[in-house]
Amino acid sequence: MTILALFLIDPPEKLDPPTDTTLAVMRESLQRGQRVCYATLDGLRLWRRVPQATVREVEFPPGTELFRRGPAFELNLAEDCDVVWMRKDPPVDLAYLHATYILDFLPSRVLQINPARSLRNFCEKLAPARFAGLQPDTLVTRSVAALADFVARHGKIVIKPLEDCSGHGIVMVEKGTADLADGLRRATEDGTRFVQGQEFLPEIAEGDIRVLMLGGEILGWVRRIPAAGDFRSNINAGGRCVPCLLGDADRALCGRVAGWLKKESIHLAGVDIVAGRILEVNLTSPSCLREINQLYGLHLEEKILDYVMQLLQERKCR
């Protein structure tokens, strides 16, 4: 029988087709003979304990980056889907969390990449804290006073929202600046929002290394360089990708988290490394596959689909 793969994504008009990892995986899924559909969270629902969605089938006409959409139809995810790819970008807000509750009702035969429970239970920016010595010194708080003490200790820190991605909302603050108190109040929304404060690593000027992990194994990597005048290396924040070597020390860092990724069935992840430290483990929608492919002449989506097909075969044989 034909495999049906459903991709839960942001509205197609918000995608950046030349750099979008999801589109590459969609295209390869079609090449493997799968039936590929997409839905947004607006179309996801739970009725009588059954996850359902309004979906559209996709195809990629020759020479196009973005898929062509077919007519909308209703899909019973529990009965009709073989693979559900949760590829909606953060923020991990209430709508995102509620979607994971719905996906929890999928039967075990449906392969989830990544599983709803893992997306809900683990914060990308806090995942490295599960391993001693992996993170830079880090404080999670909504207290302006506690953040001010943290700035005084380190001189310069980076403040990050816990729920967002792509460099959104990330700011750097420094001891002695006139607007420090105002900046801390804005970041915490006057002490009502938890944020991550992290010691600033000056090595970020040379970029970070994004390592894609598949099934707990290293799939590919690339160095991301911040734009001039910025400290954020995220591609959506103006960063650019360059090829690099992945040394033994960085491979060992990835090995430290590999067992946890396997245990939690986090099939596809992105590990961000700077100066021998892991800044975060991207679980929601790991990216940079297209950039890695281009720089190294690879087709990593083929390895991802090989992995998926193997998992589906194992489920079939149970």
Protein backbone atom coordinates (compact mmCIF):
# COMPACT_ATOMS: atom_id res chain seq x y z
CA MET A 1 0.00 0.00 0.00
CA THR A 2 1.10 3.57 -0.65
CA ILE A 3 2.62 5.34 2.33
CA LEU A 4 0.83 8.54 3.30
CA ALA A 5 3.00 11.26 4.84
CA LEU A 6 1.38 14.30 6.44
CA PHE A 7 3.44 17.44 7.09
CA LEU A 8 2.13 19.90 9.66
CA ILE A 9 3.66 23.22 8.61
CA ASP A 10 3.31 26.96 8.70
CA PRO A 11 1.12 28.48 5.98
CA PRO A 12 2.95 27.89 2.66
CA GLU A 13 3.19 31.61 1.91
CA LYS A 14 5.38 32.02 5.01
CA LEU A 15 7.96 29.45 3.87
CA ASP A 16 11.31 30.37 2.30
CA PRO A 17 11.42 27.75 -0.47
CA PRO A 18 15.15 27.89 -1.41
CA THR A 19 16.25 27.23 2.18
CA ASP A 20 13.34 25.22 3.58
CA THR A 21 14.31 21.77 4.89
CA THR A 22 10.71 20.54 4.97
CA LEU A 23 10.26 21.09 1.24
CA ALA A 24 13.35 19.00 0.48
CA VAL A 25 11.99 16.15 2.61
CA MET A 26 8.57 16.47 0.98
CA ARG A 27 10.10 16.26 -2.48
CA GLU A 28 12.15 13.19 -1.59
CA SER A 29 9.08 11.53 -0.05
CA LEU A 30 7.30 11.97 -3.36
CA GLN A 31 10.32 10.52 -5.17
CA ARG A 32 9.92 7.40 -2.99
CA GLY A 33 6.34 6.98 -4.18
CA GLN A 34 4.69 8.31 -1.05
CA ARG A 35 1.49 10.26 -1.05
CA VAL A 36 2.38 13.62 0.51
CA CYS A 37 -0.11 16.00 2.11
CA TYR A 38 0.19 19.07 4.27
CA ALA A 39 -1.96 20.81 6.86
CA THR A 40 -1.63 23.85 9.08
CA LEU A 41 -2.66 23.94 12.73
CA ASP A 42 -5.88 25.66 11.70
CA GLY A 43 -7.02 22.43 10.09
CA LEU A 44 -6.04 20.10 12.95
CA ARG A 45 -8.72 18.82 15.33
CA LEU A 46 -9.70 15.97 17.65
CA TRP A 47 -13.14 14.41 17.36
CA ARG A 48 -14.28 11.36 19.27
CA ARG A 49 -10.68 10.69 20.33
CA VAL A 50 -9.52 10.64 16.70
CA PRO A 51 -7.01 13.20 15.35
CA GLN A 52 -8.27 14.63 12.08
CA ALA A 53 -7.20 17.38 9.72
CA THR A 54 -8.19 19.30 6.63
CA VAL A 55 -5.29 18.60 4.26
CA ARG A 56 -4.13 19.17 0.70
CA GLU A 57 -2.06 16.85 -1.42
CA VAL A 58 1.11 18.35 -2.92
CA GLU A 59 3.18 17.97 -6.05
CA PHE A 60 6.27 19.78 -7.32
CA PRO A 61 6.00 20.75 -10.98
CA PRO A 62 9.37 20.77 -12.78
CA GLY A 63 11.43 23.88 -12.08
CA THR A 64 9.45 24.98 -9.01
CA GLU A 65 10.65 25.34 -5.42
CA LEU A 66 7.23 25.54 -3.74
CA PHE A 67 4.68 22.77 -4.17
CA ARG A 68 1.39 23.01 -6.02
CA ARG A 69 -1.61 22.36 -3.81
CA GLY A 70 -4.48 20.06 -4.57
CA PRO A 71 -8.06 20.47 -3.35
CA ALA A 72 -8.76 20.29 0.38
CA PHE A 73 -10.11 17.07 1.86
CA GLU A 74 -10.58 15.53 5.30
CA LEU A 75 -8.10 13.02 6.68
CA ASN A 76 -8.32 10.62 9.60
CA LEU A 77 -4.76 10.75 10.89
CA ALA A 78 -5.12 7.64 13.06
CA GLU A 79 -6.32 5.41 10.22
CA ASP A 80 -4.88 6.94 7.06
CA CYS A 81 -1.44 8.32 7.99
CA ASP A 82 1.79 6.36 8.17
CA VAL A 83 4.08 9.30 8.99
CA VAL A 84 3.27 12.64 10.62
CA TRP A 85 5.99 15.26 10.35
CA MET A 86 5.47 18.05 12.90
CA ARG A 87 7.41 20.81 11.11
CA LYS A 88 5.64 23.92 12.35
CA ASP A 89 8.19 26.52 13.41
CA PRO A 90 8.07 27.97 16.92
CA PRO A 91 6.97 29.90 18.86
CA VAL A 92 5.97 27.02 21.09
CA ASP A 93 2.86 28.88 22.18
CA LEU A 94 -0.49 27.63 23.42
CA ALA A 95 -1.64 26.69 19.92
CA TYR A 96 1.53 24.64 19.42
CA LEU A 97 1.16 22.93 22.80
CA HIS A 98 -2.50 22.17 22.16
CA ALA A 99 -1.58 20.60 18.82
CA THR A 100 0.76 18.21 20.66
CA TYR A 101 -2.14 17.16 22.89
CA ILE A 102 -4.10 16.22 19.78
CA LEU A 103 -1.19 14.33 18.24
CA ASP A 104 -0.84 12.33 21.47
CA PHE A 105 -3.96 10.46 20.37
CA LEU A 106 -2.22 8.98 17.34
CA PRO A 107 -1.74 5.21 17.57
CA SER A 108 1.79 3.86 17.97
CA ARG A 109 1.84 2.54 14.40
CA VAL A 110 1.98 6.14 13.13
CA LEU A 111 5.56 7.38 13.01
CA GLN A 112 5.87 10.90 14.42
CA ILE A 113 8.87 13.06 13.53
CA ASN A 114 9.35 14.32 16.12
CA PRO A 115 6.97 12.81 18.70
CA ALA A 116 4.44 15.20 20.21
CA ARG A 117 5.41 14.24 23.76
CA SER A 118 9.06 15.17 23.16
CA LEU A 119 8.19 18.46 21.50
CA ARG A 120 6.02 19.31 24.48
CA ASN A 121 8.23 17.97 27.28
CA PHE A 122 11.58 19.41 26.24
CA CYS A 123 12.54 23.02 25.67
CA GLU A 124 15.16 23.40 22.94
CA LYS A 125 17.16 25.96 24.86
CA LEU A 126 17.10 23.97 28.09
CA ALA A 127 17.89 20.55 26.62
CA PRO A 128 21.69 20.97 27.06
CA ALA A 129 21.15 21.63 30.78
CA ARG A 130 20.31 17.94 31.15
CA PHE A 131 24.02 17.21 30.71
CA ALA A 132 26.60 18.53 33.15
CA GLY A 133 29.09 20.94 31.64
CA LEU A 134 27.55 21.21 28.18
CA GLN A 135 26.01 24.69 28.42
CA PRO A 136 27.62 28.05 29.04
CA ASP A 137 26.66 29.40 32.47
CA THR A 138 22.89 29.82 32.21
CA LEU A 139 20.11 31.28 34.34
CA VAL A 140 16.39 30.80 33.70
CA THR A 141 14.24 33.33 35.53
CA ARG A 142 11.65 36.03 35.17
CA SER A 143 13.17 38.11 37.95
CA VAL A 144 14.68 41.38 36.78
CA ALA A 145 16.84 41.51 39.92
CA ALA A 146 18.19 38.00 39.36
CA LEU A 147 19.07 38.85 35.76
CA ALA A 148 20.78 42.05 36.89
CA ASP A 149 22.93 40.02 39.31
CA PHE A 150 23.75 37.61 36.47
CA VAL A 151 24.86 40.52 34.27
CA ALA A 152 27.03 41.85 37.11
CA ARG A 153 28.65 38.42 37.44
CA HIS A 154 29.48 37.99 33.74
CA GLY A 155 29.68 41.54 32.43
CA LYS A 156 27.85 40.66 29.24
CA ILE A 157 25.04 38.15 28.69
CA VAL A 158 22.61 37.05 26.01
CA ILE A 159 18.90 36.92 26.86
CA LYS A 160 16.73 34.48 24.92
CA PRO A 161 12.99 33.76 24.94
CA LEU A 162 12.44 30.08 25.77
CA GLU A 163 9.69 29.52 23.23
CA ASP A 164 10.94 31.10 19.99
CA CYS A 165 13.44 30.33 17.24
CA SER A 166 15.56 31.83 14.44
CA GLY A 167 17.08 34.48 16.69
CA HIS A 168 13.73 36.16 17.37
CA GLY A 169 13.71 38.17 20.58
CA ILE A 170 17.37 37.47 21.42
CA VAL A 171 19.24 40.44 22.84
CA MET A 172 22.66 41.10 24.35
CA VAL A 173 22.97 43.24 27.45
CA GLU A 174 26.10 44.57 29.12
CA LYS A 175 27.03 45.74 32.60
CA GLY A 176 27.12 49.50 33.04
CA THR A 177 24.90 50.49 30.12
CA ALA A 178 22.41 53.25 30.86
CA ASP A 179 19.36 51.33 29.64
CA LEU A 180 20.22 47.99 31.28
CA ALA A 181 17.30 48.01 33.74
CA ASP A 182 14.82 48.95 31.01
CA GLY A 183 16.20 46.22 28.76
CA LEU A 184 15.78 43.57 31.45
CA ARG A 185 12.22 44.70 32.14
CA ARG A 186 11.38 44.55 28.44
CA ALA A 187 12.91 41.10 28.05
CA THR A 188 10.92 39.70 30.97
CA GLU A 189 7.81 41.75 30.20
CA ASP A 190 8.07 43.42 33.61
CA GLY A 191 8.87 40.20 35.42
CA THR A 192 6.03 38.10 33.98
CA ARG A 193 7.92 36.06 31.37
CA PHE A 194 10.60 33.45 31.94
CA VAL A 195 13.72 33.95 29.84
CA GLN A 196 17.13 32.37 29.55
CA GLY A 197 20.14 34.45 30.48
CA GLN A 198 23.42 33.02 29.22
CA GLU A 199 27.02 34.15 29.50
CA PHE A 200 28.20 35.73 26.27
CA LEU A 201 30.76 33.68 24.36
CA PRO A 202 33.01 35.99 22.32
CA GLU A 203 33.86 33.04 20.05
CA ILE A 204 30.42 33.50 18.45
CA ALA A 205 32.08 36.11 16.23
CA GLU A 206 33.51 33.13 14.34
CA GLY A 207 30.08 31.51 14.18
CA ASP A 208 28.49 28.40 15.60
CA ILE A 209 28.35 24.90 14.17
CA ARG A 210 24.92 23.45 13.42
CA VAL A 211 25.08 19.65 13.52
CA LEU A 212 22.09 17.74 12.20
CA MET A 213 21.45 14.50 14.06
CA LEU A 214 19.36 11.63 12.66
CA GLY A 215 18.46 8.77 14.95
CA GLY A 216 21.16 9.88 17.35
CA GLU A 217 23.86 9.81 14.64
CA ILE A 218 25.60 12.75 13.02
CA LEU A 219 24.01 13.47 9.64
CA GLY A 220 25.77 16.67 8.53
CA TRP A 221 27.10 19.99 9.74
CA VAL A 222 27.84 23.56 8.75
CA ARG A 223 29.27 26.71 10.32
CA ARG A 224 26.92 29.69 10.56
CA ILE A 225 28.59 33.12 10.61
CA PRO A 226 26.74 36.15 12.07
CA ALA A 227 26.10 39.14 9.86
CA ALA A 228 28.37 42.14 10.34
CA GLY A 229 27.43 43.99 13.50
CA ASP A 230 25.32 41.13 14.87
CA PHE A 231 26.07 38.26 17.24
CA ARG A 232 23.25 35.97 16.11
CA SER A 233 24.27 33.30 13.63
CA ASN A 234 20.73 32.25 12.69
CA ILE A 235 20.13 32.26 8.95
CA ASN A 236 16.86 34.14 9.39
CA ALA A 237 18.78 36.80 11.34
CA GLY A 238 21.19 37.37 8.45
CA GLY A 239 23.77 34.67 9.20
CA ARG A 240 25.53 32.85 6.37
CA CYS A 241 26.72 29.27 6.09
CA VAL A 242 30.27 28.13 5.28
CA PRO A 243 31.79 24.64 5.21
CA CYS A 244 33.88 23.52 8.16
CA LEU A 245 35.48 20.53 9.80
CA LEU A 246 33.79 18.79 12.72
CA GLY A 247 36.53 17.98 15.19
CA ASP A 248 36.73 15.13 17.68
CA ALA A 249 35.74 17.37 20.60
CA ASP A 250 32.57 18.55 18.86
CA ARG A 251 31.74 14.99 17.81
CA ALA A 252 32.09 13.98 21.46
CA LEU A 253 29.63 16.71 22.45
CA CYS A 254 27.10 15.29 20.00
CA GLY A 255 27.77 11.85 21.41
CA ARG A 256 26.85 13.12 24.87
CA VAL A 257 23.29 13.90 23.73
CA ALA A 258 22.90 11.00 21.28
CA GLY A 259 21.61 8.50 23.83
CA TRP A 260 19.01 10.94 25.11
CA LEU A 261 17.82 11.67 21.57
CA LYS A 262 17.37 7.94 20.92
CA LYS A 263 15.65 7.34 24.26
CA GLU A 264 13.11 10.08 23.60
CA SER A 265 12.63 9.07 19.92
CA ILE A 266 13.79 12.49 18.79
CA HIS A 267 14.57 11.35 15.27
CA LEU A 268 15.76 14.62 13.75
CA ALA A 269 17.58 17.28 15.78
CA GLY A 270 19.96 20.20 15.36
CA VAL A 271 22.79 20.70 17.85
CA ASP A 272 24.32 24.20 18.01
CA ILE A 273 27.93 24.34 19.23
CA VAL A 274 30.15 27.30 20.15
CA ALA A 275 33.55 27.06 21.83
CA GLY A 276 33.03 23.55 23.15
CA ARG A 277 29.57 24.31 24.51
CA ILE A 278 26.10 23.40 23.27
CA LEU A 279 23.77 26.39 23.10
CA GLU A 280 20.63 24.47 22.24
CA VAL A 281 19.25 21.27 20.74
CA ASN A 282 16.69 22.13 18.07
CA LEU A 283 13.79 19.68 18.16
CA THR A 284 10.85 21.46 16.56
CA SER A 285 11.97 22.04 12.98
CA PRO A 286 15.73 21.46 12.57
CA SER A 287 17.04 23.29 9.52
CA CYS A 288 20.17 23.97 7.43
CA LEU A 289 19.78 20.77 5.41
CA ARG A 290 19.60 22.71 2.15
CA GLU A 291 22.69 24.76 3.01
CA ILE A 292 24.65 21.63 3.93
CA ASN A 293 23.59 19.97 0.69
CA GLN A 294 24.70 22.95 -1.36
CA LEU A 295 28.06 23.43 0.35
CA TYR A 296 29.10 19.78 0.41
CA GLY A 297 27.33 18.43 -2.66
CA LEU A 298 25.09 16.14 -0.62
CA HIS A 299 21.46 15.00 -0.63
CA LEU A 300 20.82 14.48 3.05
CA GLU A 301 17.08 14.14 2.50
CA GLU A 302 17.83 10.76 0.89
CA LYS A 303 19.41 9.53 4.12
CA ILE A 304 16.45 10.84 6.09
CA LEU A 305 14.01 8.94 3.91
CA ASP A 306 16.15 5.79 4.12
CA TYR A 307 15.89 6.10 7.90
CA VAL A 308 12.12 6.69 7.78
CA MET A 309 11.52 3.72 5.49
CA GLN A 310 13.52 1.50 7.83
CA LEU A 311 11.46 2.59 10.82
CA LEU A 312 8.21 2.02 8.93
CA GLN A 313 9.36 -1.46 7.93
CA GLU A 314 10.19 -2.26 11.54
CA ARG A 315 6.72 -1.12 12.63
CA LYS A 316 5.13 -3.26 9.93
CA CYS A 317 6.97 -6.35 11.17
CA ARG A 318 5.86 -5.98 14.79
